[in-house]
């Protein structure tokens, strides 16, 4: 791996799959992928990340901009309770 990249092991799931992050000297690659609309945040794995809040904010921004995988995204409709 390039010296400009750093791997951070963040956990192991129930199947023994290693979960981690690859960080470039300029920042988190996963965060940039989410910001660009090229990745989504998954609850079970993001709970292992130290930057889960930042990832969720980046995903909200990508959804709002309808970036890449979010181009056809429609926010869920909130139903009002009947009086």
Protein backbone atom coordinates (compact mmCIF):
# COMPACT_ATOMS: atom_id res chain seq x y z
CA UNK A 1 0.00 0.00 0.00
CA UNK A 2 1.17 3.53 -0.71
CA UNK A 3 2.85 5.41 2.14
CA UNK A 4 0.20 8.13 1.64
CA UNK A 5 -2.49 5.62 2.70
CA UNK A 6 -3.19 4.30 6.17
CA UNK A 7 -5.43 1.38 7.11
CA UNK A 8 -7.47 1.47 10.32
CA UNK A 9 -9.08 -1.76 11.53
CA UNK A 10 -12.37 -0.86 13.21
CA UNK A 11 -13.95 -4.20 13.96
CA UNK A 12 -15.04 -7.64 12.88
CA UNK A 13 -18.62 -8.57 12.01
CA UNK A 14 -20.44 -11.76 13.06
CA UNK A 15 -19.13 -13.58 9.98
CA UNK A 16 -15.51 -12.70 10.71
CA UNK A 17 -15.29 -10.02 8.03
CA UNK A 18 -12.80 -7.29 8.88
CA UNK A 19 -14.23 -3.78 8.79
CA UNK A 20 -11.98 -0.81 8.44
CA UNK A 21 -11.16 2.50 6.87
CA UNK A 22 -8.53 3.57 4.40
CA UNK A 23 -7.31 7.10 5.06
CA UNK A 24 -5.28 9.16 2.61
CA UNK A 25 -2.95 11.85 3.88
CA UNK A 26 -5.56 14.37 2.68
CA UNK A 27 -8.48 12.71 4.50
CA UNK A 28 -10.92 9.80 4.70
CA UNK A 29 -11.55 8.03 1.41
CA UNK A 30 -14.91 6.68 2.63
CA UNK A 31 -16.06 10.18 3.55
CA UNK A 32 -15.17 11.48 0.10
CA UNK A 33 -17.00 8.59 -1.59
CA UNK A 34 -20.13 9.31 0.46
CA UNK A 35 -19.90 13.07 -0.25
CA UNK A 36 -19.62 12.37 -3.98
CA UNK A 37 -22.71 10.14 -3.92
CA UNK A 38 -20.68 7.05 -4.77
CA UNK A 39 -21.34 5.23 -1.48
CA UNK A 40 -24.03 4.97 1.15
CA UNK A 41 -23.80 4.72 4.93
CA UNK A 42 -24.96 1.47 6.52
CA UNK A 43 -26.07 1.57 10.17
CA UNK A 44 -24.47 -1.68 11.36
CA UNK A 45 -21.02 -0.85 10.01
CA UNK A 46 -21.07 2.89 10.61
CA UNK A 47 -21.60 2.21 14.31
CA UNK A 48 -18.00 0.94 14.33
CA UNK A 49 -16.63 4.13 12.75
CA UNK A 50 -15.30 7.03 14.75
CA UNK A 51 -16.71 9.45 12.16
CA UNK A 52 -20.25 8.05 11.80
CA UNK A 53 -21.88 11.45 12.38
CA UNK A 54 -19.73 13.06 9.69
CA UNK A 55 -20.55 10.21 7.28
CA UNK A 56 -24.30 10.66 7.90
CA UNK A 57 -24.03 14.41 7.28
CA UNK A 58 -22.15 13.76 4.04
CA UNK A 59 -24.86 11.31 2.96
CA UNK A 60 -27.60 13.87 3.70
CA UNK A 61 -25.73 16.39 1.56
CA UNK A 62 -25.35 13.92 -1.31
CA UNK A 63 -29.06 13.10 -1.13
CA UNK A 64 -29.98 16.79 -1.14
CA UNK A 65 -27.81 17.37 -4.23
CA UNK A 66 -29.12 14.17 -5.85
CA UNK A 67 -25.50 13.12 -6.43
CA UNK A 68 -24.79 9.89 -8.35
CA UNK A 69 -26.54 6.99 -6.58
CA UNK A 70 -29.02 9.47 -5.11
CA UNK A 71 -30.08 10.94 -8.49
CA UNK A 72 -33.57 9.40 -8.22
CA UNK A 73 -33.85 9.67 -4.45
CA UNK A 74 -37.22 10.71 -3.07
CA UNK A 75 -37.34 11.55 0.64
CA UNK A 76 -39.86 9.50 2.61
CA UNK A 77 -43.18 11.23 3.15
CA UNK A 78 -44.06 11.91 6.78
CA UNK A 79 -47.63 10.97 7.48
CA UNK A 80 -49.66 13.14 9.80
CA UNK A 81 -51.58 11.36 12.53
CA UNK A 82 -55.33 11.53 12.16
CA UNK A 83 -57.01 13.86 14.68
